Amino acid sequence: RAAGIASFQLFGENVVLDGADLRQTKFVFAHLIAPSFKGADISGADFRWASLIGASFDGSVARGANFLEAVLDKSSFKCALAEGASFYSASVQDARMNNA
């Protein structure tokens, strides 16, 4: 379980974290192109100021996740559970949030 991991610089493309337990993980300032968090538990995770263009959060559990000023353009949150998640000042251009 990755919960409680300290902040770290994260850069990458097509990173797959499907089904991972990432509760409370810090992704502050992460720069990921087309990452996949399908079915992952990202409850309470911190994505402040992250760039996650083309990310897939389909079917993820994102309760209380913080996406403050994150760039989530072209991302998908289909069927994600995002109660209490913050998207304040996030860029969500062309994002899909069907049944989220």
Protein backbone atom coordinates (compact mmCIF):
# COMPACT_ATOMS: atom_id res chain seq x y z
CA ARG A 1 0.00 0.00 0.00
CA ALA A 2 1.37 3.38 -1.02
CA ALA A 3 -0.55 5.51 1.48
CA GLY A 4 1.42 8.21 3.20
CA ILE A 5 4.18 8.46 0.62
CA ALA A 6 5.97 11.79 0.91
CA SER A 7 5.84 14.25 -1.98
CA PHE A 8 8.16 13.41 -4.83
CA GLN A 9 8.77 14.68 -8.34
CA LEU A 10 6.98 12.44 -10.80
CA PHE A 11 7.29 12.68 -14.56
CA GLY A 12 6.23 10.10 -17.12
CA GLU A 13 4.09 9.00 -20.00
CA ASN A 14 1.49 6.22 -20.08
CA VAL A 15 2.07 5.34 -16.41
CA VAL A 16 -0.40 2.61 -15.38
CA LEU A 17 -1.58 2.60 -11.75
CA ASP A 18 -4.83 0.70 -12.35
CA GLY A 19 -6.40 -0.76 -9.22
CA ALA A 20 -3.64 0.60 -6.96
CA ASP A 21 -4.24 1.69 -3.36
CA LEU A 22 -3.01 5.28 -3.52
CA ARG A 23 -4.98 6.75 -0.62
CA GLN A 24 -3.39 9.93 0.77
CA THR A 25 -0.54 9.76 -1.79
CA LYS A 26 0.94 13.10 -2.83
CA PHE A 27 1.20 13.81 -6.54
CA VAL A 28 1.84 17.54 -6.05
CA PHE A 29 3.39 19.05 -9.22
CA ALA A 30 3.43 15.62 -10.95
CA HIS A 31 3.66 15.81 -14.73
CA LEU A 32 2.12 12.72 -16.33
CA ILE A 33 0.90 12.33 -19.89
CA ALA A 34 -2.01 9.89 -20.32
CA PRO A 35 -1.65 8.14 -16.94
CA SER A 36 -4.19 5.48 -15.99
CA PHE A 37 -5.72 5.30 -12.52
CA LYS A 38 -8.64 3.04 -13.57
CA GLY A 39 -10.26 1.43 -10.54
CA ALA A 40 -7.60 2.88 -8.20
CA ASP A 41 -8.40 4.18 -4.72
CA ILE A 42 -7.08 7.74 -4.70
CA SER A 43 -9.17 8.88 -1.75
CA GLY A 44 -7.55 11.87 -0.08
CA ALA A 45 -4.75 11.92 -2.65
CA ASP A 46 -3.15 15.30 -3.32
CA PHE A 47 -2.92 16.28 -7.00
CA ARG A 48 -2.45 20.03 -6.43
CA TRP A 49 -0.81 21.76 -9.40
CA ALA A 50 -0.32 18.42 -11.20
CA SER A 51 -0.46 18.16 -14.97
CA LEU A 52 -2.37 14.98 -15.88
CA ILE A 53 -3.44 15.58 -19.47
CA GLY A 54 -5.41 12.65 -20.92
CA ALA A 55 -5.58 10.81 -17.58
CA SER A 56 -8.10 8.02 -16.99
CA PHE A 57 -9.71 7.88 -13.57
CA ASP A 58 -12.57 5.67 -14.81
CA GLY A 59 -14.12 3.66 -11.98
CA SER A 60 -11.72 5.11 -9.41
CA VAL A 61 -12.56 6.05 -5.84
CA ALA A 62 -11.51 9.70 -5.44
CA ARG A 63 -13.32 10.71 -2.26
CA GLY A 64 -11.76 13.86 -0.85
CA ALA A 65 -9.01 13.98 -3.50
CA ASN A 66 -7.54 17.44 -4.07
CA PHE A 67 -7.12 18.59 -7.69
CA LEU A 68 -6.54 22.28 -6.87
CA GLU A 69 -5.30 24.04 -10.01
CA ALA A 70 -4.49 20.70 -11.66
CA VAL A 71 -4.51 20.39 -15.45
CA LEU A 72 -6.93 17.57 -16.27
CA ASP A 73 -7.67 18.42 -19.91
CA LYS A 74 -8.97 15.48 -21.97
CA SER A 75 -9.15 13.32 -18.81
CA SER A 76 -11.91 10.85 -18.01
CA PHE A 77 -13.69 10.30 -14.69
CA LYS A 78 -16.42 7.95 -15.97
CA CYS A 79 -18.20 6.20 -13.08
CA ALA A 80 -15.66 7.58 -10.57
CA LEU A 81 -16.76 8.12 -6.96
CA ALA A 82 -15.60 11.67 -6.27
CA GLU A 83 -17.65 12.85 -3.29
CA GLY A 84 -15.87 15.68 -1.51
CA ALA A 85 -13.14 15.94 -4.15
CA SER A 86 -11.95 19.47 -4.90
CA PHE A 87 -11.51 20.65 -8.47
CA TYR A 88 -11.14 24.32 -7.54
CA SER A 89 -9.47 26.27 -10.38
CA ALA A 90 -8.61 23.00 -12.16
CA SER A 91 -8.49 22.99 -15.95
CA VAL A 92 -10.93 20.35 -17.22
CA GLN A 93 -11.21 21.24 -20.90
CA ASP A 94 -12.72 18.35 -22.87
CA ALA A 95 -12.78 16.16 -19.71
CA ARG A 96 -15.44 13.44 -19.44
CA MET A 97 -17.24 13.05 -16.12
CA ASN A 98 -20.13 10.76 -17.05
CA ASN A 99 -21.79 9.23 -13.98
CA ALA A 100 -19.07 10.64 -11.71
